[in-house]
């Protein structure tokens, strides 16, 4: 009897260890912190629901069709990948098949319940009848909806579905508000593959304007009192994604006559040392030759512009005049007491990851010597980790 008790205790201990090991293995993985981060899907609105409400019906339908196609393509790709992993590998040539496990013949099946001698069988469990669920309430007769209510309900359902699909979409999409000259606005859906040129073409269809080359998308930053025109080749979603959720920045649809000034009057940039009358009277054929000379070669030639500019450095209240030179790699200046030769020039800023903004009312805000101010602003913030150590 003592041997049986010892064997039973040992068996219970092994079962306890096995249960503990299984419990450790089946613990759910910790949720990633990134899953709690909420992405921003709209620009110029207090929330995404408001922005989707502003979309025209055909744009909302196009958004839904695009999202469903996006997610279907992703799911199909994942399914294809899983099926390829599950396909059996071909048998190696010349190798015998793996041995089959031995089969038992003529043995009776084990009894359903076996108990060790000395231990009585457990009593049968009592059956407790399940409580009867209450009868469902009779359905209330629904009041027929008016046509306007049906349309509003249909759009609300679309918006609810679009909110869910936007979070699943593989390609990032934004719903943006673009302000017009007359104070009105247009709501558009853009994705990360679209350039500024694509968005302008979309606005041309919605506004029926003259579709001229001078139309531009501008971003304004009221806090810093700066603005700049997006370049046609830029992907619009990229700079907009850098805006904070509570940003007061706006997107404007404006006609700017100086957008392509360097192509309309290249002589003002490449032949600026000549007298003004010669520059003004230049023929169109000569302008084309100048463009071909500087833009159609093996590399683009940047005009060698130079002249005095007033500079306001960080932490300084006054503006100081310095002589600056424009080169392909950036802007350089002549240090005090030095000449304009290349070996004496000091680099002021390089053009990598830098955008040029115009300052608004800087003569009043920063006591600038002139109203014509521009700012060189980094496209991202560089964090110096060593500075905090």
Protein backbone atom coordinates (compact mmCIF):
# COMPACT_ATOMS: atom_id res chain seq x y z
CA UNK A 1 0.00 0.00 0.00
CA UNK A 2 2.85 2.34 0.81
CA UNK A 3 4.33 1.71 -2.64
CA UNK A 4 1.04 2.59 -4.28
CA UNK A 5 0.80 5.84 -2.25
CA UNK A 6 4.37 6.79 -3.24
CA UNK A 7 3.71 6.08 -6.91
CA UNK A 8 0.49 8.11 -6.80
CA UNK A 9 2.24 11.08 -5.12
CA UNK A 10 5.04 10.96 -7.69
CA UNK A 11 2.48 10.91 -10.53
CA UNK A 12 0.65 13.93 -9.08
CA UNK A 13 3.94 15.84 -8.84
CA UNK A 14 4.80 15.15 -12.47
CA UNK A 15 1.31 16.26 -13.54
CA UNK A 16 1.71 19.48 -11.54
CA UNK A 17 5.05 20.24 -13.22
CA UNK A 18 3.56 19.52 -16.64
CA UNK A 19 0.62 21.84 -15.98
CA UNK A 20 2.95 24.65 -14.88
CA UNK A 21 5.12 24.30 -18.01
CA UNK A 22 2.05 24.37 -20.24
CA UNK A 23 0.78 27.47 -18.47
CA UNK A 24 4.04 29.32 -19.09
CA UNK A 25 4.06 28.43 -22.76
CA UNK A 26 0.48 29.54 -23.39
CA UNK A 27 0.78 33.01 -21.84
CA UNK A 28 -0.44 35.65 -24.35
CA UNK A 29 2.30 37.97 -25.73
CA UNK A 30 2.48 41.44 -24.30
CA UNK A 31 0.67 44.02 -26.37
CA UNK A 32 3.04 46.36 -28.18
CA UNK A 33 3.04 49.96 -27.12
CA UNK A 34 2.73 51.04 -30.71
CA UNK A 35 -0.74 49.49 -30.95
CA UNK A 36 -2.02 52.18 -28.59
CA UNK A 37 -0.84 54.97 -30.83
CA UNK A 38 -3.66 56.59 -32.76
CA UNK A 39 -2.81 57.62 -36.30
CA UNK A 40 -3.93 60.90 -37.78
CA UNK A 41 -5.97 60.42 -40.95
CA UNK A 42 -7.29 63.94 -41.56
CA UNK A 43 -5.81 67.41 -42.08
CA UNK A 44 -7.76 70.59 -41.38
CA UNK A 45 -10.55 68.94 -39.33
CA UNK A 46 -11.17 68.37 -35.63
CA UNK A 47 -11.64 64.63 -36.23
CA UNK A 48 -11.78 62.06 -39.01
CA UNK A 49 -15.55 61.63 -38.79
CA UNK A 50 -16.03 65.31 -39.60
CA UNK A 51 -13.65 65.10 -42.56
CA UNK A 52 -15.45 62.07 -44.04
CA UNK A 53 -18.77 63.89 -43.68
CA UNK A 54 -17.34 66.72 -45.80
CA UNK A 55 -16.43 64.37 -48.66
CA UNK A 56 -18.71 64.43 -51.68
CA UNK A 57 -20.68 61.23 -52.27
CA UNK A 58 -18.65 60.18 -55.31
CA UNK A 59 -15.37 60.80 -53.42
CA UNK A 60 -16.61 58.77 -50.44
CA UNK A 61 -17.59 55.91 -52.77
CA UNK A 62 -14.18 56.12 -54.46
CA UNK A 63 -12.47 56.04 -51.06
CA UNK A 64 -14.45 52.95 -50.04
CA UNK A 65 -13.71 51.14 -53.31
CA UNK A 66 -10.01 52.01 -53.00
CA UNK A 67 -9.81 50.80 -49.39
CA UNK A 68 -11.62 47.53 -50.09
CA UNK A 69 -9.38 46.83 -53.10
CA UNK A 70 -6.29 47.65 -51.00
CA UNK A 71 -7.24 45.30 -48.19
CA UNK A 72 -8.35 42.52 -50.58
CA UNK A 73 -4.99 42.67 -52.37
CA UNK A 74 -3.14 42.47 -49.04
CA UNK A 75 -5.23 39.52 -47.84
CA UNK A 76 -4.73 37.71 -51.17
CA UNK A 77 -0.97 38.21 -50.90
CA UNK A 78 -0.93 36.86 -47.34
CA UNK A 79 -3.08 33.86 -48.33
CA UNK A 80 -0.79 33.09 -51.27
CA UNK A 81 2.24 33.24 -48.96
CA UNK A 82 0.65 30.87 -46.44
CA UNK A 83 -0.34 28.38 -49.14
CA UNK A 84 3.18 28.35 -50.53
CA UNK A 85 4.56 27.60 -47.06
CA UNK A 86 2.05 24.76 -46.53
CA UNK A 87 2.81 23.00 -49.84
CA UNK A 88 4.66 19.66 -49.17
CA UNK A 89 8.27 19.56 -50.24
CA UNK A 90 9.13 17.02 -52.99
CA UNK A 91 10.73 13.78 -51.82
CA UNK A 92 14.51 13.70 -52.28
CA UNK A 93 15.56 11.55 -55.19
CA UNK A 94 16.87 8.11 -54.34
CA UNK A 95 15.93 8.14 -50.62
CA UNK A 96 13.63 5.42 -49.19
CA UNK A 97 10.30 6.54 -47.71
CA UNK A 98 10.27 7.14 -43.94
CA UNK A 99 9.40 4.09 -41.80
CA UNK A 100 5.76 3.78 -40.85
CA UNK A 101 4.86 3.55 -37.13
CA UNK A 102 4.00 0.00 -35.97
CA UNK A 103 0.30 -0.79 -35.84
CA UNK A 104 -1.34 -2.89 -33.15
CA UNK A 105 -3.66 -5.67 -34.35
CA UNK A 106 -6.08 -7.70 -32.31
CA UNK A 107 -5.71 -5.68 -29.08
CA UNK A 108 -8.91 -4.60 -27.34
CA UNK A 109 -9.35 -0.87 -26.63
CA UNK A 110 -8.46 0.31 -23.11
CA UNK A 111 -11.32 0.60 -20.67
CA UNK A 112 -12.94 4.03 -20.36
CA UNK A 113 -12.25 4.45 -16.64
CA UNK A 114 -9.58 2.56 -14.67
CA UNK A 115 -9.00 2.95 -10.99
CA UNK A 116 -6.16 1.67 -8.84
CA UNK A 117 -7.05 -0.98 -6.28
CA UNK A 118 -7.93 0.47 -2.95
CA UNK A 119 -9.48 3.64 -4.39
CA UNK A 120 -13.27 3.65 -4.74
CA UNK A 121 -14.83 4.92 -7.95
CA UNK A 122 -16.18 8.49 -7.72
CA UNK A 123 -19.95 8.85 -7.35
CA UNK A 124 -21.88 9.87 -10.48
CA UNK A 125 -22.35 13.65 -10.92
CA UNK A 126 -25.81 15.07 -10.41
CA UNK A 127 -27.39 16.65 -13.48
CA UNK A 128 -28.74 20.19 -12.91
CA UNK A 129 -31.23 21.38 -15.51
CA UNK A 130 -30.23 24.61 -17.30
CA UNK A 131 -32.46 27.61 -16.60
CA UNK A 132 -34.94 28.38 -19.35
CA UNK A 133 -34.03 31.68 -21.11
CA UNK A 134 -36.72 34.39 -21.09
CA UNK A 135 -38.84 34.69 -24.17
CA UNK A 136 -37.60 37.42 -26.60
CA UNK A 137 -39.52 40.66 -26.65
CA UNK A 138 -41.83 41.05 -29.64
CA UNK A 139 -40.21 43.21 -32.38
CA UNK A 140 -41.43 46.77 -32.52
CA UNK A 141 -42.82 47.99 -35.77
CA UNK A 142 -40.16 50.24 -37.36
CA UNK A 143 -41.30 53.60 -38.67
CA UNK A 144 -40.59 54.02 -42.38
CA UNK A 145 -37.72 56.46 -43.06
CA UNK A 146 -38.02 59.49 -45.28
CA UNK A 147 -35.81 59.61 -48.42
CA UNK A 148 -33.56 62.22 -46.78
CA UNK A 149 -33.19 60.07 -43.67
CA UNK A 150 -32.38 56.99 -45.76
CA UNK A 151 -29.64 58.91 -47.60
CA UNK A 152 -28.21 60.21 -44.31
CA UNK A 153 -28.28 56.70 -42.80
CA UNK A 154 -26.59 55.22 -45.88
CA UNK A 155 -23.81 57.82 -45.71
CA UNK A 156 -23.39 57.26 -41.96
CA UNK A 157 -22.98 53.51 -42.60
CA UNK A 158 -20.39 54.22 -45.31
CA UNK A 159 -18.47 56.54 -42.99
CA UNK A 160 -18.48 53.94 -40.20
CA UNK A 161 -17.13 51.32 -42.59
CA UNK A 162 -14.56 53.76 -44.01
CA UNK A 163 -13.28 54.49 -40.48
CA UNK A 164 -12.63 50.77 -39.97
CA UNK A 165 -11.05 50.23 -43.39
CA UNK A 166 -8.76 53.26 -43.09
CA UNK A 167 -7.05 51.69 -40.09
CA UNK A 168 -6.51 48.44 -42.02
CA UNK A 169 -5.30 50.01 -45.27
CA UNK A 170 -1.75 49.25 -46.35
CA UNK A 171 -1.32 52.54 -48.28
CA UNK A 172 -1.55 55.59 -46.03
CA UNK A 173 -4.42 57.92 -46.89
CA UNK A 174 -5.40 61.38 -45.64
CA UNK A 175 -8.61 63.38 -45.92
CA UNK A 176 -7.58 67.04 -46.35
CA UNK A 177 -9.34 70.39 -46.49
CA UNK A 178 -8.07 72.83 -49.14
CA UNK A 179 -9.03 76.51 -48.84
CA UNK A 180 -9.99 78.47 -51.97
CA UNK A 181 -9.47 82.14 -52.83
CA UNK A 182 -13.13 82.98 -52.22
CA UNK A 183 -13.14 81.58 -48.67
CA UNK A 184 -14.79 78.27 -49.60
CA UNK A 185 -13.08 74.90 -49.23
CA UNK A 186 -12.80 71.52 -50.94
CA UNK A 187 -12.39 68.19 -49.18
CA UNK A 188 -10.17 65.62 -50.88
CA UNK A 189 -8.82 62.15 -50.18
CA UNK A 190 -5.11 61.73 -51.02
CA UNK A 191 -2.78 58.78 -50.54
CA UNK A 192 0.97 58.52 -50.19
CA UNK A 193 1.47 57.66 -53.87
CA UNK A 194 -0.04 60.92 -55.17
CA UNK A 195 2.13 63.91 -56.03
CA UNK A 196 1.14 67.54 -55.66
CA UNK A 197 0.59 67.61 -59.42
CA UNK A 198 -1.99 64.80 -59.08
CA UNK A 199 -3.84 66.72 -56.36
CA UNK A 200 -3.82 69.90 -58.49
CA UNK A 201 -5.37 67.97 -61.40
CA UNK A 202 -8.08 66.73 -59.01
CA UNK A 203 -8.76 70.31 -57.89
CA UNK A 204 -8.97 71.47 -61.49
CA UNK A 205 -11.84 69.04 -62.06
CA UNK A 206 -13.67 70.21 -58.94
CA UNK A 207 -13.19 73.96 -59.35
CA UNK A 208 -13.40 74.33 -63.16
CA UNK A 209 -10.60 76.91 -63.13
CA UNK A 210 -8.41 77.71 -66.15
CA UNK A 211 -5.91 74.90 -65.27
CA UNK A 212 -2.94 77.25 -65.74
CA UNK A 213 0.59 76.35 -64.69
CA UNK A 214 0.64 79.08 -62.02
CA UNK A 215 -1.86 77.33 -59.73
CA UNK A 216 -0.16 76.04 -56.59
CA UNK A 217 -0.77 74.32 -53.28
CA UNK A 218 0.55 76.41 -50.39
CA UNK A 219 1.04 75.51 -46.77
CA UNK A 220 0.74 78.23 -44.13
CA UNK A 221 1.97 78.08 -40.54
CA UNK A 222 0.19 80.80 -38.51
CA UNK A 223 2.28 80.14 -35.40
CA UNK A 224 5.59 80.85 -37.15
CA UNK A 225 4.04 83.24 -39.71
CA UNK A 226 5.60 81.40 -42.64
CA UNK A 227 4.35 79.87 -45.89
CA UNK A 228 5.73 77.92 -48.82
CA UNK A 229 4.52 76.40 -52.06
CA UNK A 230 4.57 72.62 -52.38
CA UNK A 231 6.64 71.52 -55.38
CA UNK A 232 4.76 69.59 -58.07
CA UNK A 233 6.91 66.47 -57.70
CA UNK A 234 6.46 66.20 -53.90
CA UNK A 235 4.33 63.45 -52.40
CA UNK A 236 1.79 65.51 -50.47
CA UNK A 237 1.11 62.98 -47.70
CA UNK A 238 4.75 63.03 -46.53
CA UNK A 239 4.96 66.69 -45.35
CA UNK A 240 1.37 66.68 -44.09
CA UNK A 241 2.06 63.63 -41.91
CA UNK A 242 4.63 65.70 -40.01
CA UNK A 243 1.91 68.12 -38.83
CA UNK A 244 0.70 67.62 -35.27
CA UNK A 245 -2.92 66.73 -34.57
CA UNK A 246 -3.66 70.17 -33.06
CA UNK A 247 -1.78 72.07 -35.78
CA UNK A 248 -3.35 75.27 -37.14
CA UNK A 249 -1.54 74.88 -40.47
CA UNK A 250 -3.66 75.22 -43.58
CA UNK A 251 -3.49 74.20 -47.25
CA UNK A 252 -4.34 76.90 -49.80
CA UNK A 253 -5.13 76.65 -53.51
CA UNK A 254 -3.62 79.82 -54.98
CA UNK A 255 -2.45 81.23 -58.31
CA UNK A 256 1.17 82.38 -58.00
CA UNK A 257 2.65 84.17 -61.01
CA UNK A 258 6.23 83.58 -59.82
CA UNK A 259 5.87 79.79 -59.50
CA UNK A 260 7.90 79.10 -62.65
CA UNK A 261 9.70 82.45 -62.89
CA UNK A 262 13.05 80.77 -63.53
CA UNK A 263 11.61 79.11 -66.67
CA UNK A 264 9.59 82.09 -67.88
CA UNK A 265 12.43 84.60 -67.54
CA UNK A 266 15.67 82.65 -67.09
CA UNK A 267 17.73 85.71 -68.06
CA UNK A 268 16.87 87.32 -64.69
CA UNK A 269 18.69 84.47 -62.94
CA UNK A 270 21.52 83.52 -65.31
CA UNK A 271 22.31 86.94 -66.80
CA UNK A 272 21.49 89.10 -63.80
CA UNK A 273 24.72 91.11 -64.12
CA UNK A 274 23.55 92.64 -67.42
CA UNK A 275 21.58 95.89 -67.52
CA UNK A 276 17.84 95.76 -66.93
CA UNK A 277 16.87 96.88 -70.45
CA UNK A 278 18.77 93.97 -72.03
CA UNK A 279 17.07 91.52 -69.70
CA UNK A 280 13.62 92.96 -70.32
CA UNK A 281 13.92 92.98 -74.14
CA UNK A 282 15.27 89.43 -74.49
CA UNK A 283 13.49 87.46 -77.23
CA UNK A 284 11.69 84.18 -76.57
CA UNK A 285 14.11 82.27 -78.79
CA UNK A 286 17.07 83.47 -76.72
CA UNK A 287 15.24 82.42 -73.54
CA UNK A 288 14.77 78.92 -74.93
CA UNK A 289 18.45 78.67 -75.81
CA UNK A 290 19.36 79.77 -72.29
CA UNK A 291 17.10 77.08 -70.81
CA UNK A 292 18.56 74.37 -73.05
CA UNK A 293 22.07 75.42 -72.13
CA UNK A 294 21.46 75.17 -68.37
CA UNK A 295 18.81 72.44 -68.05
CA UNK A 296 19.22 70.05 -70.98
CA UNK A 297 22.84 69.03 -70.51
CA UNK A 298 24.28 66.12 -68.57
CA UNK A 299 23.66 68.07 -65.33
CA UNK A 300 21.58 71.08 -64.31
CA UNK A 301 23.55 74.31 -63.91
CA UNK A 302 22.50 76.41 -60.93
CA UNK A 303 22.73 80.19 -61.48
CA UNK A 304 25.61 81.84 -59.62
CA UNK A 305 23.57 84.38 -57.70
CA UNK A 306 25.29 86.54 -55.09
CA UNK A 307 24.74 89.71 -53.15
CA UNK A 308 24.31 91.26 -49.68
CA UNK A 309 21.60 89.91 -47.37
CA UNK A 310 20.56 90.75 -43.83
CA UNK A 311 20.88 87.79 -41.46
CA UNK A 312 19.24 87.25 -38.07
CA UNK A 313 21.07 84.50 -36.22
CA UNK A 314 19.63 82.34 -33.44
CA UNK A 315 19.48 84.15 -30.13
CA UNK A 316 20.39 87.52 -31.71
CA UNK A 317 17.98 90.45 -31.83
CA UNK A 318 19.79 92.52 -34.44
CA UNK A 319 20.15 91.92 -38.19
CA UNK A 320 23.66 91.88 -39.68
CA UNK A 321 24.55 92.33 -43.32
CA UNK A 322 26.69 89.66 -44.97
CA UNK A 323 27.63 88.83 -48.53
CA UNK A 324 26.08 85.52 -49.64
CA UNK A 325 26.61 83.31 -52.69
CA UNK A 326 24.29 80.64 -54.11
CA UNK A 327 25.91 77.40 -55.25
CA UNK A 328 24.56 73.98 -56.25
CA UNK A 329 25.38 72.46 -52.86
CA UNK A 330 24.04 75.28 -50.68
CA UNK A 331 24.41 78.88 -49.58
CA UNK A 332 27.84 80.30 -48.66
CA UNK A 333 28.94 83.61 -47.17
CA UNK A 334 32.10 85.66 -47.06
CA UNK A 335 33.53 85.88 -43.51
CA UNK A 336 34.54 89.27 -42.23
CA UNK A 337 37.88 90.38 -43.67
CA UNK A 338 37.92 87.61 -46.33
CA UNK A 339 37.60 87.70 -50.12
CA UNK A 340 34.97 86.09 -52.40
CA UNK A 341 37.34 83.38 -53.58
CA UNK A 342 36.23 79.78 -53.11
CA UNK A 343 38.87 78.98 -50.47
CA UNK A 344 37.66 81.81 -48.22
CA UNK A 345 33.93 81.02 -48.42
CA UNK A 346 32.17 79.56 -45.39
CA UNK A 347 29.17 77.25 -45.77
CA UNK A 348 26.04 78.74 -44.26
CA UNK A 349 23.61 75.89 -45.03
CA UNK A 350 23.40 72.87 -47.33
CA UNK A 351 20.18 72.09 -49.17
CA UNK A 352 19.78 68.50 -47.96
CA UNK A 353 16.53 68.17 -45.97
CA UNK A 354 15.84 71.92 -46.00
CA UNK A 355 12.73 73.78 -47.24
CA UNK A 356 12.52 77.46 -48.14
CA UNK A 357 9.64 79.45 -46.59
CA UNK A 358 8.54 83.06 -46.98
CA UNK A 359 8.15 85.11 -43.81
CA UNK A 360 4.94 87.11 -43.33
CA UNK A 361 4.97 90.50 -41.56
CA UNK A 362 8.50 89.95 -40.26
CA UNK A 363 9.26 93.65 -40.46
CA UNK A 364 6.76 94.16 -37.66
CA UNK A 365 7.34 90.93 -35.71
CA UNK A 366 11.15 90.69 -35.86
CA UNK A 367 12.12 94.27 -36.82
CA UNK A 368 13.44 93.05 -40.19
CA UNK A 369 14.98 95.78 -42.38
CA UNK A 370 12.66 94.79 -45.27
CA UNK A 371 9.36 92.98 -45.85
CA UNK A 372 11.01 90.44 -48.19
CA UNK A 373 12.19 87.67 -45.88
CA UNK A 374 12.77 83.97 -46.40
CA UNK A 375 13.51 81.20 -43.92
CA UNK A 376 15.49 77.97 -44.27
CA UNK A 377 13.66 75.35 -42.19
CA UNK A 378 14.73 71.73 -41.68
CA UNK A 379 12.23 69.12 -42.87
CA UNK A 380 12.69 67.18 -39.61
CA UNK A 381 14.03 67.77 -36.10
CA UNK A 382 17.43 66.27 -35.30
CA UNK A 383 17.70 65.10 -31.68
CA UNK A 384 21.19 65.31 -30.19
CA UNK A 385 21.23 62.46 -27.65
CA UNK A 386 24.68 63.38 -26.31
CA UNK A 387 23.53 66.87 -25.37
CA UNK A 388 21.20 65.49 -22.70
CA UNK A 389 23.81 63.21 -21.09
